[in-house]
Amino acid sequence: MDMFTRLKSAVSHVIPGNPLSRDFDIYGQVASTGPSLMWKVFSAAKKSTKEEASVFLFEKKQIDKHHKRDKEVIIDSLRRGVQQLTKLRHPRILSVIHPLEETREALAFATEPVFSSLANVLGRRDNMGSSPPKFLENFTLFEVEIKHGLLQILEGLGFLHSDAKMIHRNICPSSIVLAKNGTWKLAGCEFVQQAVNVTDQTVNTPPEAQPNLDFMAPEYEITHLCGPASDMFSFGVLMFSLYNQGKPLFENKGDVRAFRNHAEELSSVRGSLLKSIPNELIDHVKLLLNTEPTIRPDAAQMAQIPFFEDMACIALQYIDTLYQRENIEKSNFFKGLPKVIDHLPKRVGQQRILPALFKEGHNPNMVPFVLPSIFTISEQSTQEEYCALVLPDLIPFFKLREPIQITLMFLQNMNLLLSKTPTQQIQTYVFPLIFAALEADNSQIQELCLGIIPTFADLIEYSTLKKSLVPRIKKLCLATTVLKVRVNCLLCLGKLMNQMDKWFVLDEILPFLREIPSREPAVLMSILGIHKVALSEAKLGITKDVMANKVLPFLIPLSIDSNLNLHQFNAYSSVI
């Protein structure tokens, strides 16, 4: 989404010392992440495929203040973190698409597109330069984003603890990134270790090479042993900080002594300290913050608490697993999705749901099921957002002719499309859809199309009206065997006449009426209506000669047609 790949410049620039500049076009910085937020994150695109990506860059000059030994410790830690992240493959762990490369000046690697880091979103702007991205100004996480984000982190922890048999050891906002589609992903793997009798070894190391003390479990200090439960403690502090303006329970500011003191205070944590978090979370967070690791719930248990049993959260979870579902399951889900979207914040619909809907659209049979939700999000969006986020991916759908429900839905939502789509795109993509609808074999589609054409007649260029639209309507009117379609063709032409000039009406419309093969009352009254418009519109200026030689000789025989009732005969007589 263009809205979420901000700060791109027209010409990509090369960052000095970045070894990935050979393979990627690198644009503006979007985030900072990792220990002490030392990694700068830039939006990028792979040169060979134009695929969107993010480039992570660590500039070694950031740590020039340290002694040589400490520099090596910090750089080794960052290298280890990227290598570990590259090995781990899971939907809830940030995906590396280009391995770590190193020069004398920098370390760099590339990942799937990143929107921001959780630390940045919560207010930390370290290593972001003098002008952080504008989208971070007044950025606030919505409740559903927090719930679903926490659930995604629990899934990532469940994979690490149960499948990979590892512990993260640094669960905190700077280790979590928000992917371009808004999903929360675990990163920051500098301190990941196998979960077997792990002994903490952060003594005498620089702060940049240590886990975040504000989120560390007390056993790191008390017993110097840690395990999966230690990550769950960190997760508890993370939950608290999300509802406490990004601030943890205790702020140690990198001071190990302060960490020791606060570790001792944890045994008497009072409920009043947790008043900022929702009531239904307090008891669960208390368990997570217990000094006894065996009392803390594991990731699977936390994922089952009622706090996450929220309709919007469940819907977002389902969207994350669409690739695992059968078409019949997905179609049933999509039928109810518009009602869920109505209750979601606009950004969540645009960022989390829209990309998944368009991805499903690669299967034409699924398009009729995803279009209602796309239209719902389009209604919520401004025209600028619609043009940036919806229209580019909607254009391929305009070209689909099967299944027929696709055309039907576009016609039913034509007012929305015309109000949001720029004039140039209407000419290029919407009009061909309408022309195809007129030529369809389905009378329902034809009737619907004829009914909506007059609503946007003023948007149609006159040359398009004369050369493309009117000829198709005339052809349909003569060829159809369905009375309602023929009548609607005539009504449509009558409503379009105020867009026509005098000579076009005289040469193309009035002579055409003589060719109509049937004489049902509805057809005769529609023919009369067209003549009334021609006579009443001053700009059309039907002359006396035309009336005497062409109009009256045609109307008088029709007025005495046996199919007309008295009221209809009187209508003809008044015009004559």
Protein backbone atom coordinates (compact mmCIF):
# COMPACT_ATOMS: atom_id res chain seq x y z
CA MET A 1 0.00 0.00 0.00
CA ASP A 2 1.40 3.35 -1.03
CA MET A 3 0.04 4.92 2.14
CA PHE A 4 2.27 2.62 4.19
CA THR A 5 5.39 2.91 2.02
CA ARG A 6 5.86 6.51 2.90
CA LEU A 7 8.88 8.66 2.46
CA LYS A 8 9.80 7.23 -0.93
CA SER A 9 11.57 9.73 -3.09
CA ALA A 10 11.30 9.83 -6.86
CA VAL A 11 14.92 8.82 -7.17
CA SER A 12 16.33 6.21 -4.80
CA HIS A 13 19.53 7.13 -3.02
CA VAL A 14 22.48 5.01 -2.01
CA ILE A 15 23.39 5.00 1.66
CA PRO A 16 27.19 5.18 2.04
CA GLY A 17 28.59 1.92 3.31
CA ASN A 18 25.39 -0.05 2.75
CA PRO A 19 26.38 -3.29 1.01
CA LEU A 20 22.77 -3.96 -0.06
CA SER A 21 22.71 -0.95 -2.38
CA ARG A 22 23.78 -3.26 -5.21
CA ASP A 23 20.63 -5.37 -4.96
CA PHE A 24 18.01 -2.94 -3.61
CA ASP A 25 16.66 0.51 -4.40
CA ILE A 26 16.65 2.11 -0.96
CA TYR A 27 14.24 4.88 -0.02
CA GLY A 28 13.37 6.75 3.18
CA GLN A 29 13.83 5.53 6.74
CA VAL A 30 10.65 4.16 8.29
CA ALA A 31 11.75 2.72 11.63
CA SER A 32 14.47 1.93 14.13
CA THR A 33 14.59 -1.34 16.03
CA GLY A 34 16.79 -3.83 17.89
CA PRO A 35 18.87 -3.31 21.04
CA SER A 36 19.03 0.42 21.83
CA LEU A 37 17.18 0.85 18.48
CA MET A 38 20.54 0.60 16.71
CA TRP A 39 19.12 -0.85 13.47
CA LYS A 40 17.80 1.74 11.03
CA VAL A 41 15.02 0.39 8.79
CA PHE A 42 14.51 1.73 5.27
CA SER A 43 11.74 1.00 2.78
CA ALA A 44 13.23 -0.58 -0.32
CA ALA A 45 12.54 -2.55 -3.49
CA LYS A 46 14.53 -5.41 -4.95
CA LYS A 47 16.11 -4.22 -8.21
CA SER A 48 15.65 -7.50 -10.05
CA THR A 49 11.96 -8.09 -9.24
CA LYS A 50 10.73 -4.68 -7.95
CA GLU A 51 9.41 -6.63 -4.95
CA GLU A 52 8.89 -4.45 -1.86
CA ALA A 53 11.26 -5.03 1.03
CA SER A 54 12.88 -3.36 4.03
CA VAL A 55 16.61 -2.89 4.48
CA PHE A 56 18.05 -2.98 8.01
CA LEU A 57 21.25 -0.97 8.45
CA PHE A 58 23.59 -0.74 11.43
CA GLU A 59 26.28 1.93 11.09
CA LYS A 60 29.35 1.04 13.15
CA LYS A 61 30.12 4.68 13.86
CA GLN A 62 27.20 4.62 16.32
CA ILE A 63 29.37 2.78 18.82
CA ASP A 64 32.62 4.75 18.36
CA LYS A 65 32.35 5.87 21.98
CA HIS A 66 33.03 2.29 23.18
CA HIS A 67 36.35 0.55 23.68
CA LYS A 68 37.46 -1.87 21.00
CA ARG A 69 36.48 -4.95 23.04
CA ASP A 70 32.96 -3.61 23.68
CA LYS A 71 32.57 -2.71 20.01
CA GLU A 72 33.33 -6.30 19.04
CA VAL A 73 30.89 -7.61 21.66
CA ILE A 74 28.10 -5.37 20.33
CA ILE A 75 28.78 -6.19 16.67
CA ASP A 76 29.02 -9.93 17.43
CA SER A 77 25.70 -9.72 19.23
CA LEU A 78 24.03 -8.04 16.22
CA ARG A 79 25.57 -10.55 13.81
CA ARG A 80 24.31 -13.43 15.94
CA GLY A 81 20.84 -11.88 16.05
CA VAL A 82 20.54 -11.67 12.25
CA GLN A 83 21.93 -15.17 11.76
CA GLN A 84 19.41 -16.55 14.23
CA LEU A 85 16.55 -14.60 12.68
CA THR A 86 17.51 -15.95 9.24
CA LYS A 87 17.28 -19.55 10.49
CA LEU A 88 13.87 -19.17 12.16
CA ARG A 89 10.93 -19.55 9.79
CA HIS A 90 7.42 -18.89 11.05
CA PRO A 91 4.56 -16.51 10.08
CA ARG A 92 5.00 -14.68 13.38
CA ILE A 93 8.74 -14.17 13.02
CA LEU A 94 10.16 -11.49 10.72
CA SER A 95 11.17 -13.08 7.42
CA VAL A 96 14.70 -12.39 6.13
CA ILE A 97 14.88 -12.25 2.32
CA HIS A 98 18.57 -11.25 1.96
CA PRO A 99 21.23 -12.48 4.41
CA LEU A 100 23.53 -10.33 6.45
CA GLU A 101 26.30 -8.50 4.61
CA GLU A 102 29.09 -6.51 6.24
CA THR A 103 31.50 -3.76 5.28
CA ARG A 104 33.97 -1.80 7.36
CA GLU A 105 31.27 0.83 7.95
CA ALA A 106 28.08 -1.17 8.36
CA LEU A 107 26.01 -4.32 8.72
CA ALA A 108 22.93 -4.76 6.55
CA PHE A 109 20.27 -7.31 5.66
CA ALA A 110 16.82 -7.24 4.05
CA THR A 111 13.42 -8.50 5.19
CA GLU A 112 9.79 -8.49 4.18
CA PRO A 113 8.32 -4.94 4.13
CA VAL A 114 8.20 -3.30 7.57
CA PHE A 115 5.78 -0.56 8.57
CA SER A 116 7.37 0.42 11.91
CA SER A 117 8.69 -1.02 15.15
CA LEU A 118 6.51 -1.32 18.23
CA ALA A 119 9.00 0.86 20.13
CA ASN A 120 8.60 3.65 17.53
CA VAL A 121 4.81 3.35 17.63
CA LEU A 122 4.88 3.64 21.43
CA GLY A 123 6.84 6.88 21.28
CA ARG A 124 10.56 6.06 21.13
CA ARG A 125 12.28 7.86 18.25
CA ASP A 126 15.95 7.01 18.91
CA ASN A 127 18.12 6.70 15.79
CA MET A 128 15.34 8.12 13.57
CA GLY A 129 17.10 11.27 12.46
CA SER A 130 15.86 14.83 12.87
CA SER A 131 12.52 14.27 11.14
CA PRO A 132 10.80 10.95 11.97
CA PRO A 133 8.11 9.72 9.53
CA LYS A 134 4.97 11.86 9.62
CA PHE A 135 2.72 8.85 10.13
CA LEU A 136 4.17 8.46 13.66
CA GLU A 137 2.79 11.85 14.67
CA ASN A 138 -0.23 11.25 16.92
CA PHE A 139 -0.14 7.55 16.02
CA THR A 140 -2.24 5.48 18.43
CA LEU A 141 -2.77 1.74 18.50
CA PHE A 142 -6.41 0.71 18.49
CA GLU A 143 -7.68 -1.83 21.02
CA VAL A 144 -8.19 -4.50 18.36
CA GLU A 145 -4.62 -3.94 17.09
CA ILE A 146 -3.24 -4.44 20.60
CA LYS A 147 -5.30 -7.59 21.19
CA HIS A 148 -4.45 -9.14 17.87
CA GLY A 149 -0.80 -8.06 18.09
CA LEU A 150 -0.39 -9.68 21.50
CA LEU A 151 -2.01 -12.85 20.17
CA GLN A 152 0.46 -12.91 17.28
CA ILE A 153 3.42 -12.54 19.67
CA LEU A 154 2.03 -15.42 21.74
CA GLU A 155 1.94 -17.55 18.57
CA GLY A 156 5.57 -16.64 17.88
CA LEU A 157 6.57 -17.50 21.45
CA GLY A 158 4.62 -20.76 21.24
CA PHE A 159 6.65 -21.72 18.17
CA LEU A 160 9.96 -20.76 19.81
CA HIS A 161 9.24 -22.56 23.09
CA SER A 162 7.45 -25.69 21.88
CA ASP A 163 8.76 -26.34 18.37
CA ALA A 164 12.19 -24.72 18.21
CA LYS A 165 12.88 -25.41 21.92
CA MET A 166 14.37 -21.94 22.29
CA ILE A 167 13.82 -18.86 24.41
CA HIS A 168 13.92 -15.29 23.11
CA ARG A 169 15.30 -13.58 26.23
CA ASN A 170 14.47 -10.05 25.04
CA ILE A 171 10.71 -9.71 24.55
CA CYS A 172 10.20 -5.94 24.50
CA PRO A 173 8.88 -3.26 22.08
CA SER A 174 12.26 -2.85 20.36
CA SER A 175 12.26 -6.56 19.45
CA ILE A 176 8.84 -6.43 17.78
CA VAL A 177 8.23 -5.00 14.32
CA LEU A 178 4.99 -4.21 12.53
CA ALA A 179 4.97 -5.60 9.02
CA LYS A 180 3.55 -3.55 6.17
CA ASN A 181 0.15 -5.23 6.53
CA GLY A 182 0.08 -4.40 10.26
CA THR A 183 0.93 -7.85 11.63
CA TRP A 184 3.22 -7.99 14.65
CA LYS A 185 6.39 -10.02 14.17
CA LEU A 186 9.09 -11.18 16.55
CA ALA A 187 12.59 -9.99 15.67
CA GLY A 188 15.53 -8.91 17.85
CA CYS A 189 17.00 -12.42 18.14
CA GLU A 190 20.38 -11.30 19.53
CA PHE A 191 19.85 -13.23 22.78
CA VAL A 192 17.93 -16.26 21.55
CA GLN A 193 19.24 -19.51 23.08
CA GLN A 194 18.25 -23.14 23.36
CA ALA A 195 15.86 -23.54 26.29
CA VAL A 196 18.00 -26.05 28.22
CA ASN A 197 19.46 -24.88 31.55
CA VAL A 198 20.15 -21.39 30.19
CA THR A 199 22.41 -19.31 32.38
CA ASP A 200 22.27 -15.54 32.03
CA GLN A 201 25.60 -14.12 30.93
CA THR A 202 25.07 -10.39 30.67
CA VAL A 203 27.65 -9.40 33.28
CA ASN A 204 30.25 -6.82 32.21
CA THR A 205 28.78 -6.36 28.76
CA PRO A 206 27.83 -2.97 27.31
CA PRO A 207 24.10 -2.06 27.49
CA GLU A 208 23.79 -2.37 23.70
CA ALA A 209 24.72 -6.06 24.01
CA GLN A 210 22.32 -6.82 26.86
CA PRO A 211 18.62 -7.62 26.92
CA ASN A 212 16.34 -4.77 27.95
CA LEU A 213 16.51 -4.76 31.76
CA ASP A 214 13.05 -3.14 32.02
CA PHE A 215 11.44 -6.31 30.63
CA MET A 216 13.72 -9.02 32.08
CA ALA A 217 12.42 -11.62 34.52
CA PRO A 218 13.73 -11.46 38.13
CA GLU A 219 15.32 -14.93 37.90
CA TYR A 220 17.98 -13.45 35.62
CA GLU A 221 19.30 -11.80 38.79
CA ILE A 222 18.03 -14.11 41.54
CA THR A 223 19.03 -17.55 40.20
CA HIS A 224 20.80 -16.60 36.95
CA LEU A 225 18.73 -19.34 35.28
CA CYS A 226 16.06 -18.67 32.68
CA GLY A 227 13.62 -20.62 30.55
CA PRO A 228 10.38 -20.20 28.58
CA ALA A 229 8.68 -18.81 31.69
CA SER A 230 11.20 -15.94 31.64
CA ASP A 231 9.86 -14.90 28.22
CA MET A 232 6.34 -15.06 29.63
CA PHE A 233 7.33 -12.62 32.37
CA SER A 234 8.64 -10.27 29.68
CA PHE A 235 5.38 -10.74 27.81
CA GLY A 236 3.49 -9.69 30.96
CA VAL A 237 5.55 -6.48 31.19
CA LEU A 238 4.91 -5.91 27.47
CA MET A 239 1.14 -6.19 28.03
CA PHE A 240 1.37 -3.71 30.89
CA SER A 241 3.45 -1.23 28.88
CA LEU A 242 0.96 -1.25 25.98
CA TYR A 243 -1.69 0.11 28.34
CA ASN A 244 0.72 2.40 30.20
CA GLN A 245 1.80 4.78 27.42
CA GLY A 246 4.67 2.47 26.48
CA LYS A 247 6.25 2.55 29.95
CA PRO A 248 7.18 -0.72 31.72
CA LEU A 249 6.38 -1.56 35.33
CA PHE A 250 9.82 -0.41 36.48
CA GLU A 251 12.30 1.74 34.55
CA ASN A 252 15.89 0.65 35.22
CA LYS A 253 17.56 2.87 32.58
CA GLY A 254 20.17 0.17 31.92
CA ASP A 255 21.28 0.15 35.59
CA VAL A 256 21.85 -3.43 36.85
CA ARG A 257 21.59 -2.31 40.51
CA ALA A 258 18.19 -0.78 39.87
CA PHE A 259 17.16 -4.03 38.18
CA ARG A 260 18.20 -6.02 41.27
CA ASN A 261 16.21 -3.76 43.57
CA HIS A 262 13.12 -3.90 41.39
CA ALA A 263 13.44 -7.70 41.10
CA GLU A 264 13.08 -7.90 44.88
CA GLU A 265 10.07 -5.56 44.86
CA LEU A 266 8.17 -7.81 42.46
CA SER A 267 7.24 -10.24 45.25
CA SER A 268 4.86 -7.59 46.59
CA VAL A 269 3.35 -6.15 43.40
CA ARG A 270 0.05 -4.50 44.31
CA GLY A 271 -3.02 -4.48 42.11
CA SER A 272 -3.02 -0.68 42.23
CA LEU A 273 0.17 -0.69 40.14
CA LEU A 274 -1.75 -2.43 37.37
CA LYS A 275 -4.73 -0.06 37.30
CA SER A 276 -3.87 1.17 33.78
CA ILE A 277 -4.62 -2.18 32.16
CA PRO A 278 -8.12 -3.57 31.45
CA ASN A 279 -9.78 -5.28 34.42
CA GLU A 280 -10.10 -8.61 32.62
CA LEU A 281 -6.30 -8.69 32.21
CA ILE A 282 -5.19 -7.85 35.75
CA ASP A 283 -5.29 -11.39 37.18
CA HIS A 284 -3.50 -12.83 34.15
CA VAL A 285 -0.78 -10.16 34.23
CA LYS A 286 -0.31 -10.79 37.96
CA LEU A 287 0.36 -14.45 37.20
CA LEU A 288 2.81 -13.53 34.44
CA LEU A 289 4.68 -11.17 36.79
CA ASN A 290 4.96 -13.72 39.59
CA THR A 291 8.53 -14.19 40.84
CA GLU A 292 8.03 -17.96 40.78
CA PRO A 293 8.45 -19.07 37.13
CA THR A 294 6.37 -22.25 37.55
CA ILE A 295 3.25 -20.20 38.35
CA ARG A 296 3.33 -18.25 35.09
CA PRO A 297 1.00 -19.46 32.30
CA ASP A 298 2.66 -20.53 29.05
CA ALA A 299 2.00 -19.03 25.61
CA ALA A 300 -0.72 -21.55 24.69
CA GLN A 301 -2.59 -20.95 27.96
CA MET A 302 -2.43 -17.17 27.57
CA ALA A 303 -3.79 -17.38 24.02
CA GLN A 304 -6.97 -19.02 25.40
CA ILE A 305 -7.95 -16.30 27.89
CA PRO A 306 -11.34 -14.56 27.35
CA PHE A 307 -9.59 -11.25 26.62
CA PHE A 308 -8.80 -12.52 23.11
CA GLU A 309 -12.33 -13.83 22.45
CA ASP A 310 -13.28 -10.70 20.56
CA MET A 311 -15.17 -10.87 17.24
CA ALA A 312 -12.84 -8.43 15.48
CA CYS A 313 -9.76 -10.20 16.86
CA ILE A 314 -11.12 -13.60 15.77
CA ALA A 315 -11.80 -12.21 12.27
CA LEU A 316 -8.23 -10.91 11.97
CA GLN A 317 -6.93 -14.28 13.17
CA TYR A 318 -9.01 -16.03 10.51
CA ILE A 319 -7.64 -13.72 7.81
CA ASP A 320 -4.12 -14.72 8.84
CA THR A 321 -4.99 -18.38 8.16
CA LEU A 322 -6.85 -17.95 4.85
CA TYR A 323 -4.14 -19.81 2.95
CA GLN A 324 -5.03 -22.93 4.97
CA ARG A 325 -8.77 -22.80 4.23
CA GLU A 326 -10.93 -24.39 1.56
CA ASN A 327 -12.86 -22.08 -0.78
CA ILE A 328 -16.23 -23.00 0.76
CA GLU A 329 -14.97 -22.03 4.23
CA LYS A 330 -13.54 -18.76 2.95
CA SER A 331 -16.70 -17.84 1.05
CA ASN A 332 -18.82 -18.30 4.18
CA PHE A 333 -16.41 -16.13 6.16
CA PHE A 334 -16.38 -13.38 3.52
CA LYS A 335 -20.19 -13.20 3.54
CA GLY A 336 -20.16 -11.90 7.12
CA LEU A 337 -16.97 -9.85 6.90
CA PRO A 338 -18.55 -6.49 5.84
CA LYS A 339 -20.43 -6.36 9.16
CA VAL A 340 -17.16 -6.85 11.05
CA ILE A 341 -15.42 -4.18 8.96
CA ASP A 342 -18.18 -1.71 9.86
CA HIS A 343 -17.04 -1.94 13.49
CA LEU A 344 -13.30 -1.82 12.81
CA PRO A 345 -11.18 1.35 12.73
CA LYS A 346 -10.55 2.48 9.16
CA ARG A 347 -6.80 1.91 9.32
CA VAL A 348 -7.25 -1.70 10.43
CA GLY A 349 -9.51 -2.43 7.47
CA GLN A 350 -7.12 -0.78 5.03
CA GLN A 351 -3.92 -2.23 6.43
CA ARG A 352 -4.88 -5.66 7.75
CA ILE A 353 -7.88 -6.78 5.68
CA LEU A 354 -7.60 -5.16 2.24
CA PRO A 355 -4.32 -6.87 1.15
CA ALA A 356 -5.75 -10.28 2.11
CA LEU A 357 -8.92 -9.61 0.09
CA PHE A 358 -6.98 -8.70 -3.04
CA LYS A 359 -4.74 -11.74 -2.59
CA GLU A 360 -7.85 -13.95 -2.65
CA GLY A 361 -8.91 -12.18 -5.84
CA HIS A 362 -6.30 -14.10 -7.81
CA ASN A 363 -8.97 -16.81 -7.96
CA PRO A 364 -11.83 -15.29 -10.05
CA ASN A 365 -14.39 -17.54 -8.36
CA MET A 366 -13.63 -15.83 -5.03
CA VAL A 367 -13.94 -12.26 -6.37
CA PRO A 368 -17.76 -12.04 -5.87
CA PHE A 369 -17.22 -12.95 -2.21
CA VAL A 370 -14.47 -10.40 -1.51
CA LEU A 371 -15.94 -7.46 -3.45
CA PRO A 372 -18.57 -6.50 -0.80
CA SER A 373 -15.83 -6.10 1.82
CA ILE A 374 -13.66 -4.14 -0.63
CA PHE A 375 -16.59 -1.81 -1.31
CA THR A 376 -17.17 -1.38 2.44
CA ILE A 377 -13.54 -0.35 2.99
CA SER A 378 -13.75 1.93 -0.08
CA GLU A 379 -16.76 3.71 1.42
CA GLN A 380 -14.80 4.36 4.62
CA SER A 381 -11.79 5.69 2.70
CA THR A 382 -11.16 9.18 1.43
CA GLN A 383 -10.72 9.56 -2.32
CA GLU A 384 -6.96 9.89 -1.83
CA GLU A 385 -6.84 6.68 0.22
CA TYR A 386 -9.07 4.91 -2.30
CA CYS A 387 -6.79 5.89 -5.20
CA ALA A 388 -3.69 4.78 -3.31
CA LEU A 389 -4.88 1.65 -1.52
CA VAL A 390 -7.86 0.25 -3.41
CA LEU A 391 -7.92 1.28 -7.06
CA PRO A 392 -4.54 -0.15 -8.21
CA ASP A 393 -5.52 -3.66 -7.09
CA LEU A 394 -9.16 -3.26 -8.11
CA ILE A 395 -8.31 -2.51 -11.77
CA PRO A 396 -7.66 -6.18 -12.70
CA PHE A 397 -11.15 -7.05 -11.38
CA PHE A 398 -12.73 -4.60 -13.86
CA LYS A 399 -11.47 -6.82 -16.67
CA LEU A 400 -13.08 -10.02 -15.35
CA ARG A 401 -16.26 -11.16 -17.14
CA GLU A 402 -16.79 -14.46 -15.33
CA PRO A 403 -18.40 -15.23 -13.01
CA ILE A 404 -21.19 -12.85 -14.04
CA GLN A 405 -21.77 -11.78 -10.40
CA ILE A 406 -18.60 -9.67 -10.62
CA THR A 407 -20.13 -7.38 -13.26
CA LEU A 408 -23.42 -7.34 -11.36
CA MET A 409 -21.71 -6.16 -8.16
CA PHE A 410 -19.74 -3.47 -9.96
CA LEU A 411 -22.95 -2.14 -11.52
CA GLN A 412 -24.75 -2.21 -8.16
CA ASN A 413 -21.93 -0.14 -6.62
CA MET A 414 -21.36 2.14 -9.62
CA ASN A 415 -22.20 5.33 -7.67
CA LEU A 416 -19.44 4.50 -5.19
CA LEU A 417 -16.95 3.79 -7.98
CA LEU A 418 -17.81 6.96 -9.86
CA SER A 419 -17.58 9.14 -6.76
CA LYS A 420 -14.11 7.83 -5.82
CA THR A 421 -12.44 7.00 -9.14
CA PRO A 422 -10.62 9.80 -11.05
CA THR A 423 -12.08 10.73 -14.44
CA GLN A 424 -9.17 9.29 -16.41
CA GLN A 425 -9.53 5.87 -14.76
CA ILE A 426 -13.30 5.98 -15.31
CA GLN A 427 -12.68 6.42 -19.03
CA THR A 428 -10.03 3.71 -19.13
CA TYR A 429 -11.48 1.01 -16.86
CA VAL A 430 -15.10 1.69 -15.84
CA PHE A 431 -16.60 2.48 -19.26
CA PRO A 432 -15.28 -0.73 -20.87
CA LEU A 433 -16.98 -2.61 -18.03
CA ILE A 434 -20.27 -0.87 -18.85
CA PHE A 435 -19.91 -1.55 -22.58
CA ALA A 436 -19.28 -5.22 -21.84
CA ALA A 437 -22.37 -5.30 -19.60
CA LEU A 438 -24.51 -4.00 -22.47
CA GLU A 439 -23.21 -6.82 -24.64
CA ALA A 440 -23.68 -9.52 -22.01
CA ASP A 441 -26.11 -12.40 -22.49
CA ASN A 442 -27.76 -11.74 -19.14
CA SER A 443 -30.88 -9.52 -19.27
CA GLN A 444 -30.60 -8.68 -15.54
CA ILE A 445 -27.11 -7.26 -16.14
CA GLN A 446 -28.33 -5.32 -19.18
CA GLU A 447 -31.28 -3.78 -17.31
CA LEU A 448 -29.11 -2.77 -14.37
CA CYS A 449 -26.53 -1.25 -16.69
CA LEU A 450 -29.14 0.75 -18.64
CA GLY A 451 -30.54 2.08 -15.39
CA ILE A 452 -27.24 3.44 -14.07
CA ILE A 453 -25.81 4.91 -17.28
CA PRO A 454 -27.84 8.18 -17.07
CA THR A 455 -26.58 8.79 -13.50
CA PHE A 456 -23.10 9.56 -14.77
CA ALA A 457 -23.90 10.85 -18.27
CA ASP A 458 -22.17 14.15 -17.53
CA LEU A 459 -18.87 12.25 -17.03
CA ILE A 460 -18.99 10.71 -20.49
CA GLU A 461 -17.00 12.47 -23.19
CA TYR A 462 -19.23 13.41 -26.11
CA SER A 463 -17.13 11.45 -28.60
CA THR A 464 -17.48 8.35 -26.38
CA LEU A 465 -21.23 8.91 -26.14
CA LYS A 466 -21.64 9.21 -29.92
CA LYS A 467 -19.23 6.55 -31.11
CA SER A 468 -19.32 3.91 -28.36
CA LEU A 469 -22.25 4.16 -25.98
CA VAL A 470 -25.29 5.12 -28.09
CA PRO A 471 -24.49 2.64 -30.91
CA ARG A 472 -24.33 -0.18 -28.36
CA ILE A 473 -27.65 0.82 -26.78
CA LYS A 474 -29.31 1.01 -30.22
CA LYS A 475 -27.92 -2.37 -31.21
CA LEU A 476 -29.16 -3.94 -27.98
CA CYS A 477 -32.60 -2.34 -28.38
CA LEU A 478 -33.06 -3.88 -31.83
CA ALA A 479 -31.54 -7.27 -31.05
CA THR A 480 -33.09 -8.11 -27.68
CA THR A 481 -36.17 -10.28 -27.35
CA VAL A 482 -36.79 -9.16 -23.75
CA LEU A 483 -39.41 -6.40 -23.54
CA LYS A 484 -38.03 -4.86 -20.33
CA VAL A 485 -34.58 -4.55 -21.88
CA ARG A 486 -35.97 -2.87 -25.02
CA VAL A 487 -38.00 -0.40 -22.94
CA ASN A 488 -35.01 0.35 -20.73
CA CYS A 489 -32.89 1.00 -23.83
CA LEU A 490 -35.41 3.63 -24.98
CA LEU A 491 -35.68 5.18 -21.50
CA CYS A 492 -31.89 5.35 -21.28
CA LEU A 493 -31.64 7.09 -24.66
CA GLY A 494 -34.31 9.58 -23.60
CA LYS A 495 -32.35 10.47 -20.44
CA LEU A 496 -29.13 10.87 -22.42
CA MET A 497 -30.60 13.33 -24.94
CA ASN A 498 -29.73 16.40 -22.88
CA GLN A 499 -26.08 15.43 -23.51
CA MET A 500 -26.60 15.30 -27.29
CA ASP A 501 -26.65 17.98 -29.97
CA LYS A 502 -29.48 18.72 -32.43
CA TRP A 503 -27.93 17.02 -35.44
CA PHE A 504 -27.08 13.82 -33.61
CA VAL A 505 -30.69 13.51 -32.44
CA LEU A 506 -32.03 14.21 -35.95
CA ASP A 507 -29.59 11.87 -37.69
CA GLU A 508 -29.20 9.02 -35.19
CA ILE A 509 -31.99 8.92 -32.61
CA LEU A 510 -35.29 9.83 -34.34
CA PRO A 511 -34.64 7.72 -37.48
CA PHE A 512 -33.64 4.79 -35.27
CA LEU A 513 -37.07 4.73 -33.61
CA ARG A 514 -38.67 3.68 -36.91
CA GLU A 515 -36.54 0.52 -36.93
CA ILE A 516 -37.90 -0.85 -33.63
CA PRO A 517 -39.68 -4.09 -34.55
CA SER A 518 -42.27 -4.36 -31.75
CA ARG A 519 -45.32 -2.25 -30.83
CA GLU A 520 -46.11 -3.11 -27.21
CA PRO A 521 -47.67 -0.24 -25.20
CA ALA A 522 -44.51 0.22 -23.10
CA VAL A 523 -42.40 0.52 -26.26
CA LEU A 524 -44.84 2.97 -27.88
CA MET A 525 -44.95 5.18 -24.78
CA SER A 526 -41.14 5.16 -24.58
CA ILE A 527 -40.95 6.26 -28.22
CA LEU A 528 -43.40 9.04 -27.42
CA GLY A 529 -41.26 10.07 -24.43
CA ILE A 530 -38.19 10.47 -26.62
CA HIS A 531 -40.14 12.72 -29.00
CA LYS A 532 -41.41 14.82 -26.08
CA VAL A 533 -37.82 15.38 -24.91
CA ALA A 534 -36.74 16.28 -28.46
CA LEU A 535 -39.57 18.83 -28.75
CA SER A 536 -39.16 20.34 -25.28
CA GLU A 537 -35.35 20.71 -25.17
CA ALA A 538 -34.62 24.18 -26.56
CA LYS A 539 -31.08 23.29 -27.62
CA LEU A 540 -32.33 20.45 -29.81
CA GLY A 541 -34.55 22.90 -31.75
CA ILE A 542 -36.66 20.53 -33.89
CA THR A 543 -37.65 22.56 -36.96
CA LYS A 544 -41.12 22.80 -38.53
CA ASP A 545 -39.92 20.96 -41.61
CA VAL A 546 -38.66 18.04 -39.55
CA MET A 547 -41.90 17.92 -37.56
CA ALA A 548 -44.05 18.05 -40.68
CA ASN A 549 -42.06 15.62 -42.80
CA LYS A 550 -40.65 13.15 -40.26
CA VAL A 551 -42.10 13.40 -36.77
CA LEU A 552 -45.87 13.68 -37.45
CA PRO A 553 -45.96 11.06 -40.24
CA PHE A 554 -44.34 8.66 -37.77
CA LEU A 555 -46.36 9.53 -34.62
CA ILE A 556 -49.87 9.71 -36.15
CA PRO A 557 -49.98 6.01 -37.22
CA LEU A 558 -48.60 4.98 -33.81
CA SER A 559 -51.32 6.97 -32.01
CA ILE A 560 -54.05 4.75 -33.43
CA ASP A 561 -52.27 1.48 -32.65
CA SER A 562 -54.76 -1.00 -31.20
CA ASN A 563 -52.43 -1.78 -28.27
CA LEU A 564 -52.89 1.71 -26.75
CA ASN A 565 -55.54 2.39 -24.12
CA LEU A 566 -57.48 5.68 -23.91
CA HIS A 567 -55.03 7.34 -21.54
CA GLN A 568 -52.10 6.43 -23.76
CA PHE A 569 -53.97 7.61 -26.90
CA ASN A 570 -54.63 10.97 -25.22
CA ALA A 571 -50.91 11.28 -24.41
CA TYR A 572 -50.09 10.80 -28.10
CA SER A 573 -52.82 13.26 -29.13
CA SER A 574 -51.50 15.99 -26.83
CA VAL A 575 -48.01 15.72 -28.33
CA ILE A 576 -49.34 15.64 -31.90
